Amino acid sequence: KVHLFGNYPLPARGGSCGILFVNLPLPGIVMFGLCLALALGGMVG
């Protein structure tokens, strides 16, 4: 979670994000790509 304090005339802003943890010794981008490929491949195929 990130908070940017206001700086007149700019208002305060905030943002957040969550990252899914998978307990496997693989890069997250690889696991996400595999899951996405399985989902799209299964539905389209």
ModelCIF file with pLDDT and N, C-alpha, C, O atoms, coordinates in Angstrom:
data_MODEL
#
_entry.id   MODEL 
#
_entity.id                         1 
_entity.type                       polymer 
_entity.pdbx_number_of_molecules   1 
#
_entity_poly.entity_id                      1 
_entity_poly.type                           'polypeptide(L)' 
_entity_poly.nstd_linkage                   no 
_entity_poly.nstd_monomer                   no 
_entity_poly.pdbx_seq_one_letter_code       KVHLFGNYPLPARGGSCGILFVNLPLPGIVMFGLCLALALGGMVG 
_entity_poly.pdbx_seq_one_letter_code_can   KVHLFGNYPLPARGGSCGILFVNLPLPGIVMFGLCLALALGGMVG 
_entity_poly.pdbx_strand_id                 A 
#
loop_
_entity_poly_seq.entity_id 
_entity_poly_seq.num 
_entity_poly_seq.mon_id 
_entity_poly_seq.hetero 
1 1  LYS n 
1 2  VAL n 
1 3  HIS n 
1 4  LEU n 
1 5  PHE n 
1 6  GLY n 
1 7  ASN n 
1 8  TYR n 
1 9  PRO n 
1 10 LEU n 
1 11 PRO n 
1 12 ALA n 
1 13 ARG n 
1 14 GLY n 
1 15 GLY n 
1 16 SER n 
1 17 CYS n 
1 18 GLY n 
1 19 ILE n 
1 20 LEU n 
1 21 PHE n 
1 22 VAL n 
1 23 ASN n 
1 24 LEU n 
1 25 PRO n 
1 26 LEU n 
1 27 PRO n 
1 28 GLY n 
1 29 ILE n 
1 30 VAL n 
1 31 MET n 
1 32 PHE n 
1 33 GLY n 
1 34 LEU n 
1 35 CYS n 
1 36 LEU n 
1 37 ALA n 
1 38 LEU n 
1 39 ALA n 
1 40 LEU n 
1 41 GLY n 
1 42 GLY n 
1 43 MET n 
1 44 VAL n 
1 45 GLY n 
#
_struct_asym.id          A 
_struct_asym.entity_id   1 
#
loop_
_ma_qa_metric.id 
_ma_qa_metric.mode 
_ma_qa_metric.name 
_ma_qa_metric.software_group_id 
_ma_qa_metric.type 
1 global pLDDT . pLDDT 
2 local  pLDDT . pLDDT 
#
_ma_qa_metric_global.metric_id      1 
_ma_qa_metric_global.metric_value   93.58 
_ma_qa_metric_global.model_id       1 
_ma_qa_metric_global.ordinal_id     1 
#
loop_
_ma_qa_metric_local.label_asym_id 
_ma_qa_metric_local.label_comp_id 
_ma_qa_metric_local.label_seq_id 
_ma_qa_metric_local.metric_id 
_ma_qa_metric_local.metric_value 
_ma_qa_metric_local.model_id 
_ma_qa_metric_local.ordinal_id 
A LYS 1  2 93.00 1 1  
A VAL 2  2 93.00 1 2  
A HIS 3  2 93.00 1 3  
A LEU 4  2 93.00 1 4  
A PHE 5  2 91.00 1 5  
A GLY 6  2 87.00 1 6  
A ASN 7  2 84.00 1 7  
A TYR 8  2 85.00 1 8  
A PRO 9  2 88.00 1 9  
A LEU 10 2 88.00 1 10 
A PRO 11 2 89.00 1 11 
A ALA 12 2 90.00 1 12 
A ARG 13 2 90.00 1 13 
A GLY 14 2 89.00 1 14 
A GLY 15 2 90.00 1 15 
A SER 16 2 91.00 1 16 
A CYS 17 2 92.00 1 17 
A GLY 18 2 95.00 1 18 
A ILE 19 2 96.00 1 19 
A LEU 20 2 97.00 1 20 
A PHE 21 2 97.00 1 21 
A VAL 22 2 95.00 1 22 
A ASN 23 2 95.00 1 23 
A LEU 24 2 95.00 1 24 
A PRO 25 2 94.00 1 25 
A LEU 26 2 94.00 1 26 
A PRO 27 2 96.00 1 27 
A GLY 28 2 96.00 1 28 
A ILE 29 2 96.00 1 29 
A VAL 30 2 97.00 1 30 
A MET 31 2 97.00 1 31 
A PHE 32 2 97.00 1 32 
A GLY 33 2 96.00 1 33 
A LEU 34 2 97.00 1 34 
A CYS 35 2 96.00 1 35 
A LEU 36 2 96.00 1 36 
A ALA 37 2 97.00 1 37 
A LEU 38 2 97.00 1 38 
A ALA 39 2 97.00 1 39 
A LEU 40 2 96.00 1 40 
A GLY 41 2 96.00 1 41 
A GLY 42 2 96.00 1 42 
A MET 43 2 95.00 1 43 
A VAL 44 2 95.00 1 44 
A GLY 45 2 94.00 1 45 
#
loop_
_atom_site.group_PDB 
_atom_site.id 
_atom_site.type_symbol 
_atom_site.label_atom_id 
_atom_site.label_alt_id 
_atom_site.label_comp_id 
_atom_site.label_asym_id 
_atom_site.label_entity_id 
_atom_site.label_seq_id 
_atom_site.pdbx_PDB_ins_code 
_atom_site.Cartn_x 
_atom_site.Cartn_y 
_atom_site.Cartn_z 
_atom_site.occupancy 
_atom_site.B_iso_or_equiv 
_atom_site.pdbx_formal_charge 
_atom_site.auth_seq_id 
_atom_site.auth_comp_id 
_atom_site.auth_asym_id 
_atom_site.auth_atom_id 
_atom_site.pdbx_PDB_model_num 
ATOM 1   N N  . LYS A 1 1  ? 0.851   -1.190  0.000   1.00 93.00 ? 1  LYS A N  1 
ATOM 2   C CA . LYS A 1 1  ? 0.000   0.000   0.000   1.00 93.00 ? 1  LYS A CA 1 
ATOM 3   C C  . LYS A 1 1  ? 0.890   1.243   0.000   1.00 93.00 ? 1  LYS A C  1 
ATOM 4   O O  . LYS A 1 1  ? 1.834   1.345   0.783   1.00 93.00 ? 1  LYS A O  1 
ATOM 5   N N  . VAL A 1 2  ? 0.575   2.180   -0.886  1.00 93.00 ? 2  VAL A N  1 
ATOM 6   C CA . VAL A 1 2  ? 1.379   3.387   -1.062  1.00 93.00 ? 2  VAL A CA 1 
ATOM 7   C C  . VAL A 1 2  ? 0.504   4.611   -0.825  1.00 93.00 ? 2  VAL A C  1 
ATOM 8   O O  . VAL A 1 2  ? -0.627  4.681   -1.308  1.00 93.00 ? 2  VAL A O  1 
ATOM 9   N N  . HIS A 1 3  ? 1.036   5.574   -0.077  1.00 93.00 ? 3  HIS A N  1 
ATOM 10  C CA . HIS A 1 3  ? 0.326   6.830   0.170   1.00 93.00 ? 3  HIS A CA 1 
ATOM 11  C C  . HIS A 1 3  ? 1.218   7.997   -0.228  1.00 93.00 ? 3  HIS A C  1 
ATOM 12  O O  . HIS A 1 3  ? 2.339   8.141   0.259   1.00 93.00 ? 3  HIS A O  1 
ATOM 13  N N  . LEU A 1 4  ? 0.692   8.827   -1.125  1.00 93.00 ? 4  LEU A N  1 
ATOM 14  C CA . LEU A 1 4  ? 1.375   10.048  -1.540  1.00 93.00 ? 4  LEU A CA 1 
ATOM 15  C C  . LEU A 1 4  ? 0.717   11.224  -0.827  1.00 93.00 ? 4  LEU A C  1 
ATOM 16  O O  . LEU A 1 4  ? -0.447  11.534  -1.083  1.00 93.00 ? 4  LEU A O  1 
ATOM 17  N N  . PHE A 1 5  ? 1.454   11.877  0.062   1.00 91.00 ? 5  PHE A N  1 
ATOM 18  C CA . PHE A 1 5  ? 0.897   12.999  0.808   1.00 91.00 ? 5  PHE A CA 1 
ATOM 19  C C  . PHE A 1 5  ? 0.613   14.173  -0.129  1.00 91.00 ? 5  PHE A C  1 
ATOM 20  O O  . PHE A 1 5  ? 1.310   14.395  -1.120  1.00 91.00 ? 5  PHE A O  1 
ATOM 21  N N  . GLY A 1 6  ? -0.428  14.909  0.222   1.00 87.00 ? 6  GLY A N  1 
ATOM 22  C CA . GLY A 1 6  ? -0.824  16.043  -0.594  1.00 87.00 ? 6  GLY A CA 1 
ATOM 23  C C  . GLY A 1 6  ? 0.257   17.111  -0.658  1.00 87.00 ? 6  GLY A C  1 
ATOM 24  O O  . GLY A 1 6  ? 1.007   17.308  0.298   1.00 87.00 ? 6  GLY A O  1 
ATOM 25  N N  . ASN A 1 7  ? 0.328   17.795  -1.785  1.00 84.00 ? 7  ASN A N  1 
ATOM 26  C CA . ASN A 1 7  ? 1.292   18.881  -1.999  1.00 84.00 ? 7  ASN A CA 1 
ATOM 27  C C  . ASN A 1 7  ? 0.551   19.961  -2.791  1.00 84.00 ? 7  ASN A C  1 
ATOM 28  O O  . ASN A 1 7  ? 0.413   19.864  -4.011  1.00 84.00 ? 7  ASN A O  1 
ATOM 29  N N  . TYR A 1 8  ? 0.083   20.975  -2.092  1.00 85.00 ? 8  TYR A N  1 
ATOM 30  C CA . TYR A 1 8  ? -0.818  21.968  -2.695  1.00 85.00 ? 8  TYR A CA 1 
ATOM 31  C C  . TYR A 1 8  ? -0.273  22.468  -4.040  1.00 85.00 ? 8  TYR A C  1 
ATOM 32  O O  . TYR A 1 8  ? 0.899   22.826  -4.157  1.00 85.00 ? 8  TYR A O  1 
ATOM 33  N N  . PRO A 1 9  ? -1.157  22.482  -5.056  1.00 88.00 ? 9  PRO A N  1 
ATOM 34  C CA . PRO A 1 9  ? -2.599  22.206  -5.057  1.00 88.00 ? 9  PRO A CA 1 
ATOM 35  C C  . PRO A 1 9  ? -2.942  20.747  -5.360  1.00 88.00 ? 9  PRO A C  1 
ATOM 36  O O  . PRO A 1 9  ? -4.097  20.445  -5.660  1.00 88.00 ? 9  PRO A O  1 
ATOM 37  N N  . LEU A 1 10 ? -1.980  19.843  -5.290  1.00 88.00 ? 10 LEU A N  1 
ATOM 38  C CA . LEU A 1 10 ? -2.199  18.435  -5.614  1.00 88.00 ? 10 LEU A CA 1 
ATOM 39  C C  . LEU A 1 10 ? -2.717  17.691  -4.386  1.00 88.00 ? 10 LEU A C  1 
ATOM 40  O O  . LEU A 1 10 ? -2.134  17.800  -3.307  1.00 88.00 ? 10 LEU A O  1 
ATOM 41  N N  . PRO A 1 11 ? -3.814  16.930  -4.540  1.00 89.00 ? 11 PRO A N  1 
ATOM 42  C CA . PRO A 1 11 ? -4.377  16.213  -3.387  1.00 89.00 ? 11 PRO A CA 1 
ATOM 43  C C  . PRO A 1 11 ? -3.569  14.969  -3.042  1.00 89.00 ? 11 PRO A C  1 
ATOM 44  O O  . PRO A 1 11 ? -2.754  14.498  -3.835  1.00 89.00 ? 11 PRO A O  1 
ATOM 45  N N  . ALA A 1 12 ? -3.811  14.448  -1.846  1.00 90.00 ? 12 ALA A N  1 
ATOM 46  C CA . ALA A 1 12 ? -3.213  13.171  -1.450  1.00 90.00 ? 12 ALA A CA 1 
ATOM 47  C C  . ALA A 1 12 ? -3.775  12.057  -2.325  1.00 90.00 ? 12 ALA A C  1 
ATOM 48  O O  . ALA A 1 12 ? -4.932  12.095  -2.745  1.00 90.00 ? 12 ALA A O  1 
ATOM 49  N N  . ARG A 1 13 ? -2.932  11.072  -2.587  1.00 90.00 ? 13 ARG A N  1 
ATOM 50  C CA . ARG A 1 13 ? -3.370  9.931   -3.394  1.00 90.00 ? 13 ARG A CA 1 
ATOM 51  C C  . ARG A 1 13 ? -2.892  8.638   -2.747  1.00 90.00 ? 13 ARG A C  1 
ATOM 52  O O  . ARG A 1 13 ? -1.928  8.624   -1.982  1.00 90.00 ? 13 ARG A O  1 
ATOM 53  N N  . GLY A 1 14 ? -3.581  7.569   -3.070  1.00 89.00 ? 14 GLY A N  1 
ATOM 54  C CA . GLY A 1 14 ? -3.203  6.278   -2.517  1.00 89.00 ? 14 GLY A CA 1 
ATOM 55  C C  . GLY A 1 14 ? -3.422  5.167   -3.524  1.00 89.00 ? 14 GLY A C  1 
ATOM 56  O O  . GLY A 1 14 ? -4.247  5.284   -4.430  1.00 89.00 ? 14 GLY A O  1 
ATOM 57  N N  . GLY A 1 15 ? -2.680  4.095   -3.355  1.00 90.00 ? 15 GLY A N  1 
ATOM 58  C CA . GLY A 1 15 ? -2.823  2.932   -4.226  1.00 90.00 ? 15 GLY A CA 1 
ATOM 59  C C  . GLY A 1 15 ? -2.383  1.671   -3.511  1.00 90.00 ? 15 GLY A C  1 
ATOM 60  O O  . GLY A 1 15 ? -1.678  1.729   -2.504  1.00 90.00 ? 15 GLY A O  1 
ATOM 61  N N  . SER A 1 16 ? -2.801  0.540   -4.033  1.00 91.00 ? 16 SER A N  1 
ATOM 62  C CA . SER A 1 16 ? -2.455  -0.734  -3.398  1.00 91.00 ? 16 SER A CA 1 
ATOM 63  C C  . SER A 1 16 ? -2.430  -1.837  -4.438  1.00 91.00 ? 16 SER A C  1 
ATOM 64  O O  . SER A 1 16 ? -2.977  -1.696  -5.532  1.00 91.00 ? 16 SER A O  1 
ATOM 65  N N  . CYS A 1 17 ? -1.788  -2.936  -4.078  1.00 92.00 ? 17 CYS A N  1 
ATOM 66  C CA . CYS A 1 17 ? -1.808  -4.121  -4.935  1.00 92.00 ? 17 CYS A CA 1 
ATOM 67  C C  . CYS A 1 17 ? -1.500  -5.343  -4.090  1.00 92.00 ? 17 CYS A C  1 
ATOM 68  O O  . CYS A 1 17 ? -0.823  -5.257  -3.066  1.00 92.00 ? 17 CYS A O  1 
ATOM 69  N N  . GLY A 1 18 ? -2.011  -6.484  -4.540  1.00 95.00 ? 18 GLY A N  1 
ATOM 70  C CA . GLY A 1 18 ? -1.743  -7.752  -3.878  1.00 95.00 ? 18 GLY A CA 1 
ATOM 71  C C  . GLY A 1 18 ? -1.077  -8.713  -4.846  1.00 95.00 ? 18 GLY A C  1 
ATOM 72  O O  . GLY A 1 18 ? -1.434  -8.769  -6.023  1.00 95.00 ? 18 GLY A O  1 
ATOM 73  N N  . ILE A 1 19 ? -0.108  -9.466  -4.349  1.00 96.00 ? 19 ILE A N  1 
ATOM 74  C CA . ILE A 1 19 ? 0.636   -10.414 -5.183  1.00 96.00 ? 19 ILE A CA 1 
ATOM 75  C C  . ILE A 1 19 ? 0.367   -11.820 -4.669  1.00 96.00 ? 19 ILE A C  1 
ATOM 76  O O  . ILE A 1 19 ? 0.587   -12.111 -3.494  1.00 96.00 ? 19 ILE A O  1 
ATOM 77  N N  . LEU A 1 20 ? -0.107  -12.687 -5.547  1.00 97.00 ? 20 LEU A N  1 
ATOM 78  C CA . LEU A 1 20 ? -0.434  -14.061 -5.172  1.00 97.00 ? 20 LEU A CA 1 
ATOM 79  C C  . LEU A 1 20 ? 0.845   -14.871 -4.974  1.00 97.00 ? 20 LEU A C  1 
ATOM 80  O O  . LEU A 1 20 ? 1.683   -14.954 -5.872  1.00 97.00 ? 20 LEU A O  1 
ATOM 81  N N  . PHE A 1 21 ? 0.987   -15.467 -3.790  1.00 97.00 ? 21 PHE A N  1 
ATOM 82  C CA . PHE A 1 21 ? 2.141   -16.304 -3.485  1.00 97.00 ? 21 PHE A CA 1 
ATOM 83  C C  . PHE A 1 21 ? 1.825   -17.758 -3.790  1.00 97.00 ? 21 PHE A C  1 
ATOM 84  O O  . PHE A 1 21 ? 0.816   -18.295 -3.333  1.00 97.00 ? 21 PHE A O  1 
ATOM 85  N N  . VAL A 1 22 ? 2.696   -18.390 -4.566  1.00 95.00 ? 22 VAL A N  1 
ATOM 86  C CA . VAL A 1 22 ? 2.570   -19.817 -4.875  1.00 95.00 ? 22 VAL A CA 1 
ATOM 87  C C  . VAL A 1 22 ? 3.848   -20.499 -4.401  1.00 95.00 ? 22 VAL A C  1 
ATOM 88  O O  . VAL A 1 22 ? 4.944   -20.146 -4.836  1.00 95.00 ? 22 VAL A O  1 
ATOM 89  N N  . ASN A 1 23 ? 3.708   -21.460 -3.525  1.00 95.00 ? 23 ASN A N  1 
ATOM 90  C CA . ASN A 1 23 ? 4.864   -22.083 -2.882  1.00 95.00 ? 23 ASN A CA 1 
ATOM 91  C C  . ASN A 1 23 ? 5.520   -23.129 -3.789  1.00 95.00 ? 23 ASN A C  1 
ATOM 92  O O  . ASN A 1 23 ? 5.539   -24.323 -3.492  1.00 95.00 ? 23 ASN A O  1 
ATOM 93  N N  . LEU A 1 24 ? 6.050   -22.635 -4.897  1.00 95.00 ? 24 LEU A N  1 
ATOM 94  C CA . LEU A 1 24 ? 6.780   -23.468 -5.847  1.00 95.00 ? 24 LEU A CA 1 
ATOM 95  C C  . LEU A 1 24 ? 8.053   -22.722 -6.254  1.00 95.00 ? 24 LEU A C  1 
ATOM 96  O O  . LEU A 1 24 ? 8.043   -21.494 -6.335  1.00 95.00 ? 24 LEU A O  1 
ATOM 97  N N  . PRO A 1 25 ? 9.156   -23.450 -6.513  1.00 94.00 ? 25 PRO A N  1 
ATOM 98  C CA . PRO A 1 25 ? 10.427  -22.789 -6.863  1.00 94.00 ? 25 PRO A CA 1 
ATOM 99  C C  . PRO A 1 25 ? 10.481  -22.371 -8.330  1.00 94.00 ? 25 PRO A C  1 
ATOM 100 O O  . PRO A 1 25 ? 11.432  -22.695 -9.041  1.00 94.00 ? 25 PRO A O  1 
ATOM 101 N N  . LEU A 1 26 ? 9.460   -21.657 -8.773  1.00 94.00 ? 26 LEU A N  1 
ATOM 102 C CA . LEU A 1 26 ? 9.400   -21.156 -10.144 1.00 94.00 ? 26 LEU A CA 1 
ATOM 103 C C  . LEU A 1 26 ? 9.141   -19.660 -10.110 1.00 94.00 ? 26 LEU A C  1 
ATOM 104 O O  . LEU A 1 26 ? 8.504   -19.167 -9.179  1.00 94.00 ? 26 LEU A O  1 
ATOM 105 N N  . PRO A 1 27 ? 9.626   -18.923 -11.114 1.00 96.00 ? 27 PRO A N  1 
ATOM 106 C CA . PRO A 1 27 ? 9.308   -17.492 -11.165 1.00 96.00 ? 27 PRO A CA 1 
ATOM 107 C C  . PRO A 1 27 ? 7.802   -17.284 -11.292 1.00 96.00 ? 27 PRO A C  1 
ATOM 108 O O  . PRO A 1 27 ? 7.114   -18.046 -11.972 1.00 96.00 ? 27 PRO A O  1 
ATOM 109 N N  . GLY A 1 28 ? 7.305   -16.251 -10.633 1.00 96.00 ? 28 GLY A N  1 
ATOM 110 C CA . GLY A 1 28 ? 5.881   -15.976 -10.682 1.00 96.00 ? 28 GLY A CA 1 
ATOM 111 C C  . GLY A 1 28 ? 5.371   -15.751 -12.084 1.00 96.00 ? 28 GLY A C  1 
ATOM 112 O O  . GLY A 1 28 ? 4.266   -16.180 -12.417 1.00 96.00 ? 28 GLY A O  1 
ATOM 113 N N  . ILE A 1 29 ? 6.158   -15.083 -12.915 1.00 96.00 ? 29 ILE A N  1 
ATOM 114 C CA . ILE A 1 29 ? 5.703   -14.798 -14.278 1.00 96.00 ? 29 ILE A CA 1 
ATOM 115 C C  . ILE A 1 29 ? 5.542   -16.085 -15.085 1.00 96.00 ? 29 ILE A C  1 
ATOM 116 O O  . ILE A 1 29 ? 4.672   -16.175 -15.950 1.00 96.00 ? 29 ILE A O  1 
ATOM 117 N N  . VAL A 1 30 ? 6.385   -17.080 -14.799 1.00 97.00 ? 30 VAL A N  1 
ATOM 118 C CA . VAL A 1 30 ? 6.271   -18.371 -15.484 1.00 97.00 ? 30 VAL A CA 1 
ATOM 119 C C  . VAL A 1 30 ? 5.003   -19.095 -15.041 1.00 97.00 ? 30 VAL A C  1 
ATOM 120 O O  . VAL A 1 30 ? 4.266   -19.622 -15.874 1.00 97.00 ? 30 VAL A O  1 
ATOM 121 N N  . MET A 1 31 ? 4.745   -19.123 -13.733 1.00 97.00 ? 31 MET A N  1 
ATOM 122 C CA . MET A 1 31 ? 3.545   -19.790 -13.227 1.00 97.00 ? 31 MET A CA 1 
ATOM 123 C C  . MET A 1 31 ? 2.277   -19.115 -13.724 1.00 97.00 ? 31 MET A C  1 
ATOM 124 O O  . MET A 1 31 ? 1.308   -19.781 -14.090 1.00 97.00 ? 31 MET A O  1 
ATOM 125 N N  . PHE A 1 32 ? 2.293   -17.785 -13.734 1.00 97.00 ? 32 PHE A N  1 
ATOM 126 C CA . PHE A 1 32 ? 1.121   -17.074 -14.231 1.00 97.00 ? 32 PHE A CA 1 
ATOM 127 C C  . PHE A 1 32 ? 0.902   -17.371 -15.715 1.00 97.00 ? 32 PHE A C  1 
ATOM 128 O O  . PHE A 1 32 ? -0.226  -17.596 -16.152 1.00 97.00 ? 32 PHE A O  1 
ATOM 129 N N  . GLY A 1 33 ? 1.993   -17.369 -16.484 1.00 96.00 ? 33 GLY A N  1 
ATOM 130 C CA . GLY A 1 33 ? 1.875   -17.671 -17.911 1.00 96.00 ? 33 GLY A CA 1 
ATOM 131 C C  . GLY A 1 33 ? 1.334   -19.070 -18.159 1.00 96.00 ? 33 GLY A C  1 
ATOM 132 O O  . GLY A 1 33 ? 0.518   -19.270 -19.058 1.00 96.00 ? 33 GLY A O  1 
ATOM 133 N N  . LEU A 1 34 ? 1.786   -20.047 -17.360 1.00 97.00 ? 34 LEU A N  1 
ATOM 134 C CA . LEU A 1 34 ? 1.292   -21.419 -17.507 1.00 97.00 ? 34 LEU A CA 1 
ATOM 135 C C  . LEU A 1 34 ? -0.194  -21.508 -17.185 1.00 97.00 ? 34 LEU A C  1 
ATOM 136 O O  . LEU A 1 34 ? -0.956  -22.137 -17.920 1.00 97.00 ? 34 LEU A O  1 
ATOM 137 N N  . CYS A 1 35 ? -0.609  -20.878 -16.083 1.00 96.00 ? 35 CYS A N  1 
ATOM 138 C CA . CYS A 1 35 ? -2.025  -20.902 -15.702 1.00 96.00 ? 35 CYS A CA 1 
ATOM 139 C C  . CYS A 1 35 ? -2.889  -20.229 -16.775 1.00 96.00 ? 35 CYS A C  1 
ATOM 140 O O  . CYS A 1 35 ? -3.957  -20.727 -17.132 1.00 96.00 ? 35 CYS A O  1 
ATOM 141 N N  . LEU A 1 36 ? -2.410  -19.099 -17.276 1.00 96.00 ? 36 LEU A N  1 
ATOM 142 C CA . LEU A 1 36 ? -3.167  -18.392 -18.310 1.00 96.00 ? 36 LEU A CA 1 
ATOM 143 C C  . LEU A 1 36 ? -3.252  -19.218 -19.589 1.00 96.00 ? 36 LEU A C  1 
ATOM 144 O O  . LEU A 1 36 ? -4.302  -19.265 -20.230 1.00 96.00 ? 36 LEU A O  1 
ATOM 145 N N  . ALA A 1 37 ? -2.143  -19.873 -19.965 1.00 97.00 ? 37 ALA A N  1 
ATOM 146 C CA . ALA A 1 37 ? -2.141  -20.708 -21.164 1.00 97.00 ? 37 ALA A CA 1 
ATOM 147 C C  . ALA A 1 37 ? -3.096  -21.891 -21.015 1.00 97.00 ? 37 ALA A C  1 
ATOM 148 O O  . ALA A 1 37 ? -3.805  -22.242 -21.959 1.00 97.00 ? 37 ALA A O  1 
ATOM 149 N N  . LEU A 1 38 ? -3.114  -22.508 -19.823 1.00 97.00 ? 38 LEU A N  1 
ATOM 150 C CA . LEU A 1 38 ? -4.031  -23.625 -19.583 1.00 97.00 ? 38 LEU A CA 1 
ATOM 151 C C  . LEU A 1 38 ? -5.486  -23.165 -19.659 1.00 97.00 ? 38 LEU A C  1 
ATOM 152 O O  . LEU A 1 38 ? -6.335  -23.851 -20.227 1.00 97.00 ? 38 LEU A O  1 
ATOM 153 N N  . ALA A 1 39 ? -5.759  -22.002 -19.084 1.00 97.00 ? 39 ALA A N  1 
ATOM 154 C CA . ALA A 1 39 ? -7.134  -21.490 -19.101 1.00 97.00 ? 39 ALA A CA 1 
ATOM 155 C C  . ALA A 1 39 ? -7.586  -21.162 -20.521 1.00 97.00 ? 39 ALA A C  1 
ATOM 156 O O  . ALA A 1 39 ? -8.641  -21.617 -20.964 1.00 97.00 ? 39 ALA A O  1 
ATOM 157 N N  . LEU A 1 40 ? -6.790  -20.376 -21.225 1.00 96.00 ? 40 LEU A N  1 
ATOM 158 C CA . LEU A 1 40 ? -7.166  -19.979 -22.578 1.00 96.00 ? 40 LEU A CA 1 
ATOM 159 C C  . LEU A 1 40 ? -7.163  -21.167 -23.528 1.00 96.00 ? 40 LEU A C  1 
ATOM 160 O O  . LEU A 1 40 ? -8.068  -21.317 -24.348 1.00 96.00 ? 40 LEU A O  1 
ATOM 161 N N  . GLY A 1 41 ? -6.132  -22.021 -23.413 1.00 96.00 ? 41 GLY A N  1 
ATOM 162 C CA . GLY A 1 41 ? -6.061  -23.195 -24.273 1.00 96.00 ? 41 GLY A CA 1 
ATOM 163 C C  . GLY A 1 41 ? -7.234  -24.129 -24.055 1.00 96.00 ? 41 GLY A C  1 
ATOM 164 O O  . GLY A 1 41 ? -7.793  -24.666 -25.012 1.00 96.00 ? 41 GLY A O  1 
ATOM 165 N N  . GLY A 1 42 ? -7.612  -24.327 -22.785 1.00 96.00 ? 42 GLY A N  1 
ATOM 166 C CA . GLY A 1 42 ? -8.740  -25.199 -22.492 1.00 96.00 ? 42 GLY A CA 1 
ATOM 167 C C  . GLY A 1 42 ? -10.051 -24.649 -23.018 1.00 96.00 ? 42 GLY A C  1 
ATOM 168 O O  . GLY A 1 42 ? -10.835 -25.381 -23.621 1.00 96.00 ? 42 GLY A O  1 
ATOM 169 N N  . MET A 1 43 ? -10.298 -23.361 -22.796 1.00 95.00 ? 43 MET A N  1 
ATOM 170 C CA . MET A 1 43 ? -11.567 -22.771 -23.243 1.00 95.00 ? 43 MET A CA 1 
ATOM 171 C C  . MET A 1 43 ? -11.663 -22.713 -24.764 1.00 95.00 ? 43 MET A C  1 
ATOM 172 O O  . MET A 1 43 ? -12.684 -23.086 -25.342 1.00 95.00 ? 43 MET A O  1 
ATOM 173 N N  . VAL A 1 44 ? -10.592 -22.243 -25.413 1.00 95.00 ? 44 VAL A N  1 
ATOM 174 C CA . VAL A 1 44 ? -10.618 -22.139 -26.877 1.00 95.00 ? 44 VAL A CA 1 
ATOM 175 C C  . VAL A 1 44 ? -10.609 -23.524 -27.517 1.00 95.00 ? 44 VAL A C  1 
ATOM 176 O O  . VAL A 1 44 ? -11.395 -23.796 -28.424 1.00 95.00 ? 44 VAL A O  1 
ATOM 177 N N  . GLY A 1 45 ? -9.716  -24.403 -27.044 1.00 94.00 ? 45 GLY A N  1 
ATOM 178 C CA . GLY A 1 45 ? -9.648  -25.746 -27.599 1.00 94.00 ? 45 GLY A CA 1 
ATOM 179 C C  . GLY A 1 45 ? -10.935 -26.525 -27.395 1.00 94.00 ? 45 GLY A C  1 
ATOM 180 O O  . GLY A 1 45 ? -11.031 -27.680 -27.811 1.00 94.00 ? 45 GLY A O  1 
#
